[in-house]
Amino acid sequence: IKNDVPEETWLSEAIAEYAVTLLG
């Protein structure tokens, strides 16, 4: 929305996967 740059799916999913660990 801010940068008009859609992330590649694999990296988008990777970041979301790490969030689970980050939140404990």
PDB file of all heavy atoms in Angstrom:
ATOM      1  N   ILE A   1       0.825  -1.210   0.000  1.00  0.00           N
ATOM      2  CA  ILE A   1       0.000   0.000   0.000  1.00  0.00           C
ATOM      3  C   ILE A   1       0.864   1.266   0.000  1.00  0.00           C
ATOM      4  O   ILE A   1       0.644   2.188  -0.779  1.00  0.00           O
ATOM      5  CB  ILE A   1      -0.957   0.003   1.210  1.00  0.00           C
ATOM      6  CG1 ILE A   1      -1.971  -1.136   1.054  1.00  0.00           C
ATOM      7  CG2 ILE A   1      -1.674   1.352   1.337  1.00  0.00           C
ATOM      8  CD1 ILE A   1      -2.925  -1.271   2.215  1.00  0.00           C
ATOM      9  N   LYS A   2       1.886   1.299   0.868  1.00  0.00           N
ATOM     10  CA  LYS A   2       2.736   2.494   0.947  1.00  0.00           C
ATOM     11  C   LYS A   2       3.679   2.629  -0.236  1.00  0.00           C
ATOM     12  O   LYS A   2       3.877   3.733  -0.749  1.00  0.00           O
ATOM     13  CB  LYS A   2       3.549   2.463   2.245  1.00  0.00           C
ATOM     14  CG  LYS A   2       2.753   2.773   3.499  1.00  0.00           C
ATOM     15  CD  LYS A   2       3.672   2.873   4.710  1.00  0.00           C
ATOM     16  CE  LYS A   2       2.903   3.291   5.949  1.00  0.00           C
ATOM     17  NZ  LYS A   2       3.780   3.403   7.142  1.00  0.00           N
ATOM     18  N   ASN A   3       4.272   1.538  -0.669  1.00  0.00           N
ATOM     19  CA  ASN A   3       5.319   1.599  -1.696  1.00  0.00           C
ATOM     20  C   ASN A   3       4.894   1.039  -3.041  1.00  0.00           C
ATOM     21  O   ASN A   3       5.663   1.101  -4.003  1.00  0.00           O
ATOM     22  CB  ASN A   3       6.569   0.853  -1.222  1.00  0.00           C
ATOM     23  CG  ASN A   3       7.194   1.483   0.000  1.00  0.00           C
ATOM     24  OD1 ASN A   3       7.100   2.692   0.193  1.00  0.00           O
ATOM     25  ND2 ASN A   3       7.830   0.670   0.837  1.00  0.00           N
ATOM     26  N   ASP A   4       3.695   0.482  -3.100  1.00  0.00           N
ATOM     27  CA  ASP A   4       3.198  -0.132  -4.345  1.00  0.00           C
ATOM     28  C   ASP A   4       4.156  -1.211  -4.857  1.00  0.00           C
ATOM     29  O   ASP A   4       4.456  -1.306  -6.044  1.00  0.00           O
ATOM     30  CB  ASP A   4       2.997   0.938  -5.425  1.00  0.00           C
ATOM     31  CG  ASP A   4       2.176   0.399  -6.599  1.00  0.00           C
ATOM     32  OD1 ASP A   4       1.368  -0.532  -6.386  1.00  0.00           O
ATOM     33  OD2 ASP A   4       2.369   0.893  -7.728  1.00  0.00           O
ATOM     34  N   VAL A   5       4.670  -2.007  -3.913  1.00  0.00           N
ATOM     35  CA  VAL A   5       5.612  -3.081  -4.243  1.00  0.00           C
ATOM     36  C   VAL A   5       5.098  -4.387  -3.638  1.00  0.00           C
ATOM     37  O   VAL A   5       5.293  -4.637  -2.439  1.00  0.00           O
ATOM     38  CB  VAL A   5       7.027  -2.785  -3.699  1.00  0.00           C
ATOM     39  CG1 VAL A   5       7.988  -3.920  -4.080  1.00  0.00           C
ATOM     40  CG2 VAL A   5       7.536  -1.455  -4.210  1.00  0.00           C
ATOM     41  N   PRO A   6       4.412  -5.244  -4.406  1.00  0.00           N
ATOM     42  CA  PRO A   6       3.956  -6.535  -3.874  1.00  0.00           C
ATOM     43  C   PRO A   6       5.156  -7.462  -3.619  1.00  0.00           C
ATOM     44  O   PRO A   6       5.995  -7.647  -4.508  1.00  0.00           O
ATOM     45  CB  PRO A   6       3.057  -7.101  -4.982  1.00  0.00           C
ATOM     46  CG  PRO A   6       2.809  -5.959  -5.922  1.00  0.00           C
ATOM     47  CD  PRO A   6       3.995  -5.045  -5.797  1.00  0.00           C
ATOM     48  N   GLU A   7       5.245  -8.010  -2.412  1.00  0.00           N
ATOM     49  CA  GLU A   7       6.352  -8.893  -2.075  1.00  0.00           C
ATOM     50  C   GLU A   7       6.182 -10.247  -2.752  1.00  0.00           C
ATOM     51  O   GLU A   7       5.066 -10.691  -3.032  1.00  0.00           O
ATOM     52  CB  GLU A   7       6.430  -9.080  -0.553  1.00  0.00           C
ATOM     53  CG  GLU A   7       7.625  -9.892  -0.064  1.00  0.00           C
ATOM     54  CD  GLU A   7       8.961  -9.337  -0.538  1.00  0.00           C
ATOM     55  OE1 GLU A   7       9.528  -8.476   0.164  1.00  0.00           O
ATOM     56  OE2 GLU A   7       9.417  -9.773  -1.618  1.00  0.00           O
ATOM     57  N   GLU A   8       7.327 -10.904  -3.047  1.00  0.00           N
ATOM     58  CA  GLU A   8       7.273 -12.266  -3.591  1.00  0.00           C
ATOM     59  C   GLU A   8       6.685 -13.193  -2.539  1.00  0.00           C
ATOM     60  O   GLU A   8       6.966 -13.055  -1.338  1.00  0.00           O
ATOM     61  CB  GLU A   8       8.666 -12.725  -4.002  1.00  0.00           C
ATOM     62  CG  GLU A   8       9.224 -11.949  -5.184  1.00  0.00           C
ATOM     63  CD  GLU A   8      10.603 -12.428  -5.607  1.00  0.00           C
ATOM     64  OE1 GLU A   8      10.984 -13.565  -5.231  1.00  0.00           O
ATOM     65  OE2 GLU A   8      11.297 -11.671  -6.305  1.00  0.00           O
ATOM     66  N   THR A   9       5.884 -14.146  -2.980  1.00  0.00           N
ATOM     67  CA  THR A   9       5.108 -14.972  -2.054  1.00  0.00           C
ATOM     68  C   THR A   9       5.988 -15.702  -1.059  1.00  0.00           C
ATOM     69  O   THR A   9       5.695 -15.746   0.141  1.00  0.00           O
ATOM     70  CB  THR A   9       4.253 -15.991  -2.833  1.00  0.00           C
ATOM     71  OG1 THR A   9       3.419 -15.292  -3.750  1.00  0.00           O
ATOM     72  CG2 THR A   9       3.391 -16.808  -1.883  1.00  0.00           C
ATOM     73  N   TRP A  10       7.108 -16.280  -1.514  1.00  0.00           N
ATOM     74  CA  TRP A  10       7.936 -17.091  -0.614  1.00  0.00           C
ATOM     75  C   TRP A  10       8.483 -16.273   0.545  1.00  0.00           C
ATOM     76  O   TRP A  10       8.504 -16.729   1.694  1.00  0.00           O
ATOM     77  CB  TRP A  10       9.075 -17.762  -1.384  1.00  0.00           C
ATOM     78  CG  TRP A  10      10.183 -16.839  -1.802  1.00  0.00           C
ATOM     79  CD1 TRP A  10      10.277 -16.118  -2.955  1.00  0.00           C
ATOM     80  CD2 TRP A  10      11.353 -16.513  -1.031  1.00  0.00           C
ATOM     81  NE1 TRP A  10      11.422 -15.358  -2.967  1.00  0.00           N
ATOM     82  CE2 TRP A  10      12.110 -15.587  -1.806  1.00  0.00           C
ATOM     83  CE3 TRP A  10      11.849 -16.915   0.203  1.00  0.00           C
ATOM     84  CZ2 TRP A  10      13.324 -15.053  -1.369  1.00  0.00           C
ATOM     85  CZ3 TRP A  10      13.056 -16.377   0.657  1.00  0.00           C
ATOM     86  CH2 TRP A  10      13.779 -15.469  -0.122  1.00  0.00           C
ATOM     87  N   LEU A  11       8.899 -15.015   0.275  1.00  0.00           N
ATOM     88  CA  LEU A  11       9.444 -14.178   1.341  1.00  0.00           C
ATOM     89  C   LEU A  11       8.327 -13.646   2.231  1.00  0.00           C
ATOM     90  O   LEU A  11       8.489 -13.548   3.452  1.00  0.00           O
ATOM     91  CB  LEU A  11      10.260 -13.027   0.760  1.00  0.00           C
ATOM     92  CG  LEU A  11      10.947 -12.111   1.776  1.00  0.00           C
ATOM     93  CD1 LEU A  11      11.802 -12.918   2.753  1.00  0.00           C
ATOM     94  CD2 LEU A  11      11.796 -11.055   1.073  1.00  0.00           C
ATOM     95  N   SER A  12       7.185 -13.326   1.640  1.00  0.00           N
ATOM     96  CA  SER A  12       6.036 -12.894   2.423  1.00  0.00           C
ATOM     97  C   SER A  12       5.633 -13.975   3.422  1.00  0.00           C
ATOM     98  O   SER A  12       5.383 -13.694   4.606  1.00  0.00           O
ATOM     99  CB  SER A  12       4.858 -12.570   1.492  1.00  0.00           C
ATOM    100  OG  SER A  12       3.698 -12.280   2.237  1.00  0.00           O
ATOM    101  N   GLU A  13       5.591 -15.219   2.965  1.00  0.00           N
ATOM    102  CA  GLU A  13       5.227 -16.321   3.854  1.00  0.00           C
ATOM    103  C   GLU A  13       6.323 -16.584   4.893  1.00  0.00           C
ATOM    104  O   GLU A  13       6.037 -16.929   6.042  1.00  0.00           O
ATOM    105  CB  GLU A  13       4.964 -17.581   3.045  1.00  0.00           C
ATOM    106  CG  GLU A  13       3.760 -17.501   2.110  1.00  0.00           C
ATOM    107  CD  GLU A  13       2.441 -17.370   2.855  1.00  0.00           C
ATOM    108  OE1 GLU A  13       2.408 -17.665   4.071  1.00  0.00           O
ATOM    109  OE2 GLU A  13       1.448 -16.957   2.228  1.00  0.00           O
ATOM    110  N   ALA A  14       7.573 -16.417   4.503  1.00  0.00           N
ATOM    111  CA  ALA A  14       8.684 -16.626   5.434  1.00  0.00           C
ATOM    112  C   ALA A  14       8.608 -15.630   6.596  1.00  0.00           C
ATOM    113  O   ALA A  14       8.782 -16.003   7.769  1.00  0.00           O
ATOM    114  CB  ALA A  14      10.016 -16.495   4.705  1.00  0.00           C
ATOM    115  N   ILE A  15       8.348 -14.370   6.283  1.00  0.00           N
ATOM    116  CA  ILE A  15       8.252 -13.347   7.329  1.00  0.00           C
ATOM    117  C   ILE A  15       7.094 -13.660   8.275  1.00  0.00           C
ATOM    118  O   ILE A  15       7.213 -13.545   9.505  1.00  0.00           O
ATOM    119  CB  ILE A  15       8.080 -11.951   6.696  1.00  0.00           C
ATOM    120  CG1 ILE A  15       9.350 -11.574   5.921  1.00  0.00           C
ATOM    121  CG2 ILE A  15       7.758 -10.899   7.755  1.00  0.00           C
ATOM    122  CD1 ILE A  15       9.214 -10.327   5.068  1.00  0.00           C
ATOM    123  N   ALA A  16       5.963 -14.072   7.709  1.00  0.00           N
ATOM    124  CA  ALA A  16       4.804 -14.421   8.537  1.00  0.00           C
ATOM    125  C   ALA A  16       5.088 -15.640   9.404  1.00  0.00           C
ATOM    126  O   ALA A  16       4.605 -15.737  10.539  1.00  0.00           O
ATOM    127  CB  ALA A  16       3.587 -14.675   7.648  1.00  0.00           C
ATOM    128  N   GLU A  17       5.885 -16.564   8.897  1.00  0.00           N
ATOM    129  CA  GLU A  17       6.256 -17.743   9.681  1.00  0.00           C
ATOM    130  C   GLU A  17       7.105 -17.347  10.885  1.00  0.00           C
ATOM    131  O   GLU A  17       6.922 -17.878  11.991  1.00  0.00           O
ATOM    132  CB  GLU A  17       7.032 -18.737   8.809  1.00  0.00           C
ATOM    133  CG  GLU A  17       6.183 -19.518   7.824  1.00  0.00           C
ATOM    134  CD  GLU A  17       5.268 -20.508   8.513  1.00  0.00           C
ATOM    135  OE1 GLU A  17       5.780 -21.466   9.130  1.00  0.00           O
ATOM    136  OE2 GLU A  17       4.046 -20.310   8.468  1.00  0.00           O
ATOM    137  N   TYR A  18       8.020 -16.411  10.694  1.00  0.00           N
ATOM    138  CA  TYR A  18       8.887 -16.032  11.810  1.00  0.00           C
ATOM    139  C   TYR A  18       8.129 -15.265  12.885  1.00  0.00           C
ATOM    140  O   TYR A  18       8.496 -15.309  14.072  1.00  0.00           O
ATOM    141  CB  TYR A  18      10.082 -15.201  11.330  1.00  0.00           C
ATOM    142  CG  TYR A  18      11.078 -15.011  12.447  1.00  0.00           C
ATOM    143  CD1 TYR A  18      11.930 -16.044  12.811  1.00  0.00           C
ATOM    144  CD2 TYR A  18      11.107 -13.827  13.183  1.00  0.00           C
ATOM    145  CE1 TYR A  18      12.811 -15.905  13.874  1.00  0.00           C
ATOM    146  CE2 TYR A  18      11.984 -13.675  14.252  1.00  0.00           C
ATOM    147  CZ  TYR A  18      12.829 -14.720  14.587  1.00  0.00           C
ATOM    148  OH  TYR A  18      13.678 -14.598  15.657  1.00  0.00           O
ATOM    149  N   ALA A  19       7.064 -14.575  12.494  1.00  0.00           N
ATOM    150  CA  ALA A  19       6.294 -13.799  13.473  1.00  0.00           C
ATOM    151  C   ALA A  19       5.776 -14.682  14.604  1.00  0.00           C
ATOM    152  O   ALA A  19       5.683 -14.239  15.759  1.00  0.00           O
ATOM    153  CB  ALA A  19       5.124 -13.113  12.773  1.00  0.00           C
ATOM    154  N   VAL A  20       5.440 -15.922  14.312  1.00  0.00           N
ATOM    155  CA  VAL A  20       4.936 -16.850  15.329  1.00  0.00           C
ATOM    156  C   VAL A  20       5.986 -17.074  16.414  1.00  0.00           C
ATOM    157  O   VAL A  20       5.680 -17.059  17.613  1.00  0.00           O
ATOM    158  CB  VAL A  20       4.532 -18.194  14.685  1.00  0.00           C
ATOM    159  CG1 VAL A  20       4.039 -19.172  15.743  1.00  0.00           C
ATOM    160  CG2 VAL A  20       3.451 -17.981  13.620  1.00  0.00           C
ATOM    161  N   THR A  21       7.233 -17.250  15.998  1.00  0.00           N
ATOM    162  CA  THR A  21       8.330 -17.416  16.958  1.00  0.00           C
ATOM    163  C   THR A  21       8.600 -16.108  17.699  1.00  0.00           C
ATOM    164  O   THR A  21       8.822 -16.104  18.918  1.00  0.00           O
ATOM    165  CB  THR A  21       9.604 -17.882  16.233  1.00  0.00           C
ATOM    166  OG1 THR A  21       9.382 -19.197  15.694  1.00  0.00           O
ATOM    167  CG2 THR A  21      10.795 -17.934  17.175  1.00  0.00           C
ATOM    168  N   LEU A  22       8.575 -14.996  16.984  1.00  0.00           N
ATOM    169  CA  LEU A  22       8.837 -13.687  17.592  1.00  0.00           C
ATOM    170  C   LEU A  22       7.864 -13.402  18.727  1.00  0.00           C
ATOM    171  O   LEU A  22       8.237 -12.816  19.749  1.00  0.00           O
ATOM    172  CB  LEU A  22       8.738 -12.595  16.522  1.00  0.00           C
ATOM    173  CG  LEU A  22       8.993 -11.159  16.978  1.00  0.00           C
ATOM    174  CD1 LEU A  22      10.427 -10.992  17.457  1.00  0.00           C
ATOM    175  CD2 LEU A  22       8.691 -10.188  15.846  1.00  0.00           C
ATOM    176  N   LEU A  23       6.612 -13.841  18.590  1.00  0.00           N
ATOM    177  CA  LEU A  23       5.594 -13.596  19.605  1.00  0.00           C
ATOM    178  C   LEU A  23       5.612 -14.621  20.730  1.00  0.00           C
ATOM    179  O   LEU A  23       4.795 -14.556  21.653  1.00  0.00           O
ATOM    180  CB  LEU A  23       4.210 -13.570  18.949  1.00  0.00           C
ATOM    181  CG  LEU A  23       3.982 -12.387  17.990  1.00  0.00           C
ATOM    182  CD1 LEU A  23       2.663 -12.526  17.266  1.00  0.00           C
ATOM    183  CD2 LEU A  23       4.048 -11.070  18.749  1.00  0.00           C
ATOM    184  N   GLY A  24       6.546 -15.592  20.656  1.00  0.00           N
ATOM    185  CA  GLY A  24       6.726 -16.525  21.760  1.00  0.00           C
ATOM    186  C   GLY A  24       5.778 -17.697  21.786  1.00  0.00           C
ATOM    187  O   GLY A  24       5.582 -18.332  22.834  1.00  0.00           O
TER     188      GLY A  24
END
